[in-house]
């Protein structure tokens, strides 16, 4: 079962690599922000899978911290984007 968790985490990390292309080439800042939010969501899922696969409880705490940071980043971008327009 550990291989299953690690394989899924690897698949999610591959998706993050593809999302990086959208961040770098996104036509609008909003597209880039959505891709950056994908990093937060997918990163949390990948860290949770790694934590379960490696039996590391500290990774669950790290995933919780990353989810909070991703939410704060989304709010900060929205506020900054409204000021610029």
C-alpha atoms as a PDB file:
ATOM      1  CA  UNK A   1       0.000   0.000   0.000  1.00  0.00           C
ATOM      2  CA  UNK A   2       2.955   2.307   0.617  1.00  0.00           C
ATOM      3  CA  UNK A   3       3.954   2.066  -3.038  1.00  0.00           C
ATOM      4  CA  UNK A   4       0.426   3.109  -3.990  1.00  0.00           C
ATOM      5  CA  UNK A   5       0.667   6.310  -1.903  1.00  0.00           C
ATOM      6  CA  UNK A   6       4.112   7.148  -3.195  1.00  0.00           C
ATOM      7  CA  UNK A   7       3.050   6.517  -6.798  1.00  0.00           C
ATOM      8  CA  UNK A   8       0.070   8.818  -6.462  1.00  0.00           C
ATOM      9  CA  UNK A   9       2.258  11.486  -4.866  1.00  0.00           C
ATOM     10  CA  UNK A  10       4.661  11.197  -7.803  1.00  0.00           C
ATOM     11  CA  UNK A  11       1.770  11.586 -10.249  1.00  0.00           C
ATOM     12  CA  UNK A  12       0.613  14.733  -8.457  1.00  0.00           C
ATOM     13  CA  UNK A  13       4.130  16.140  -8.534  1.00  0.00           C
ATOM     14  CA  UNK A  14       4.198  15.527 -12.284  1.00  0.00           C
ATOM     15  CA  UNK A  15       0.967  17.514 -12.568  1.00  0.00           C
ATOM     16  CA  UNK A  16       2.626  20.336 -10.663  1.00  0.00           C
ATOM     17  CA  UNK A  17       5.347  20.411 -13.293  1.00  0.00           C
ATOM     18  CA  UNK A  18       2.731  20.802 -15.993  1.00  0.00           C
ATOM     19  CA  UNK A  19       1.045  23.545 -13.961  1.00  0.00           C
ATOM     20  CA  UNK A  20       4.348  25.417 -13.893  1.00  0.00           C
ATOM     21  CA  UNK A  21       4.049  25.822 -17.656  1.00  0.00           C
ATOM     22  CA  UNK A  22       0.728  27.632 -17.154  1.00  0.00           C
ATOM     23  CA  UNK A  23       2.235  29.892 -14.511  1.00  0.00           C
ATOM     24  CA  UNK A  24       5.079  30.866 -16.812  1.00  0.00           C
ATOM     25  CA  UNK A  25       3.026  31.210 -20.017  1.00  0.00           C
ATOM     26  CA  UNK A  26      -0.408  32.203 -18.687  1.00  0.00           C
ATOM     27  CA  UNK A  27      -2.025  34.834 -20.881  1.00  0.00           C
ATOM     28  CA  UNK A  28      -3.476  36.823 -17.945  1.00  0.00           C
ATOM     29  CA  UNK A  29      -2.513  37.322 -14.325  1.00  0.00           C
ATOM     30  CA  UNK A  30      -5.742  35.600 -13.290  1.00  0.00           C
ATOM     31  CA  UNK A  31      -4.742  32.457 -15.217  1.00  0.00           C
ATOM     32  CA  UNK A  32      -1.387  32.505 -13.512  1.00  0.00           C
ATOM     33  CA  UNK A  33      -2.992  32.848 -10.093  1.00  0.00           C
ATOM     34  CA  UNK A  34      -5.315  29.928 -10.720  1.00  0.00           C
ATOM     35  CA  UNK A  35      -2.305  27.825 -11.642  1.00  0.00           C
ATOM     36  CA  UNK A  36      -0.530  28.984  -8.483  1.00  0.00           C
ATOM     37  CA  UNK A  37      -3.582  27.945  -6.455  1.00  0.00           C
ATOM     38  CA  UNK A  38      -3.240  24.572  -8.159  1.00  0.00           C
ATOM     39  CA  UNK A  39       0.218  24.357  -6.600  1.00  0.00           C
ATOM     40  CA  UNK A  40      -1.280  24.839  -3.161  1.00  0.00           C
ATOM     41  CA  UNK A  41      -4.057  22.305  -3.600  1.00  0.00           C
ATOM     42  CA  UNK A  42      -1.979  19.672  -5.343  1.00  0.00           C
ATOM     43  CA  UNK A  43       0.952  20.266  -3.030  1.00  0.00           C
ATOM     44  CA  UNK A  44      -1.225  19.610   0.016  1.00  0.00           C
ATOM     45  CA  UNK A  45      -2.535  16.390  -1.515  1.00  0.00           C
ATOM     46  CA  UNK A  46       0.966  15.220  -2.476  1.00  0.00           C
ATOM     47  CA  UNK A  47       2.363  15.963   0.989  1.00  0.00           C
ATOM     48  CA  UNK A  48      -0.528  14.146   2.646  1.00  0.00           C
ATOM     49  CA  UNK A  49       0.068  11.107   0.444  1.00  0.00           C
ATOM     50  CA  UNK A  50       3.789  11.192   1.186  1.00  0.00           C
ATOM     51  CA  UNK A  51       3.076  11.481   4.903  1.00  0.00           C
ATOM     52  CA  UNK A  52       0.757   8.499   4.793  1.00  0.00           C
ATOM     53  CA  UNK A  53       3.135   6.460   2.673  1.00  0.00           C
ATOM     54  CA  UNK A  54       6.174   7.213   4.824  1.00  0.00           C
ATOM     55  CA  UNK A  55       4.264   7.164   8.149  1.00  0.00           C
ATOM     56  CA  UNK A  56       5.458  10.676   9.017  1.00  0.00           C
ATOM     57  CA  UNK A  57       3.027  12.723  11.114  1.00  0.00           C
ATOM     58  CA  UNK A  58       5.084  15.888  10.652  1.00  0.00           C
ATOM     59  CA  UNK A  59       4.151  15.940   6.963  1.00  0.00           C
ATOM     60  CA  UNK A  60       0.467  16.221   7.897  1.00  0.00           C
ATOM     61  CA  UNK A  61       1.293  19.370   9.866  1.00  0.00           C
ATOM     62  CA  UNK A  62       3.257  20.694   6.913  1.00  0.00           C
ATOM     63  CA  UNK A  63       0.288  20.060   4.609  1.00  0.00           C
ATOM     64  CA  UNK A  64      -1.979  21.994   6.975  1.00  0.00           C
ATOM     65  CA  UNK A  65       0.448  24.909   6.975  1.00  0.00           C
ATOM     66  CA  UNK A  66       0.652  24.872   3.179  1.00  0.00           C
ATOM     67  CA  UNK A  67      -3.132  24.905   2.849  1.00  0.00           C
ATOM     68  CA  UNK A  68      -3.381  27.983   5.068  1.00  0.00           C
ATOM     69  CA  UNK A  69      -0.633  29.739   3.118  1.00  0.00           C
ATOM     70  CA  UNK A  70      -2.334  28.933  -0.181  1.00  0.00           C
ATOM     71  CA  UNK A  71      -5.601  30.454   1.042  1.00  0.00           C
ATOM     72  CA  UNK A  72      -3.851  33.610   2.275  1.00  0.00           C
ATOM     73  CA  UNK A  73      -2.004  33.920  -1.027  1.00  0.00           C
ATOM     74  CA  UNK A  74      -5.284  33.764  -2.960  1.00  0.00           C
ATOM     75  CA  UNK A  75      -6.820  36.502  -0.831  1.00  0.00           C
ATOM     76  CA  UNK A  76      -3.715  38.679  -1.113  1.00  0.00           C
ATOM     77  CA  UNK A  77      -3.642  38.323  -4.893  1.00  0.00           C
ATOM     78  CA  UNK A  78      -7.317  39.232  -5.159  1.00  0.00           C
ATOM     79  CA  UNK A  79      -6.851  42.368  -3.085  1.00  0.00           C
ATOM     80  CA  UNK A  80      -3.752  43.407  -5.022  1.00  0.00           C
ATOM     81  CA  UNK A  81      -5.424  42.719  -8.377  1.00  0.00           C
ATOM     82  CA  UNK A  82      -8.416  44.898  -7.446  1.00  0.00           C
ATOM     83  CA  UNK A  83      -6.143  47.821  -6.499  1.00  0.00           C
ATOM     84  CA  UNK A  84      -4.272  47.675  -9.785  1.00  0.00           C
ATOM     85  CA  UNK A  85      -7.386  47.758 -11.930  1.00  0.00           C
END
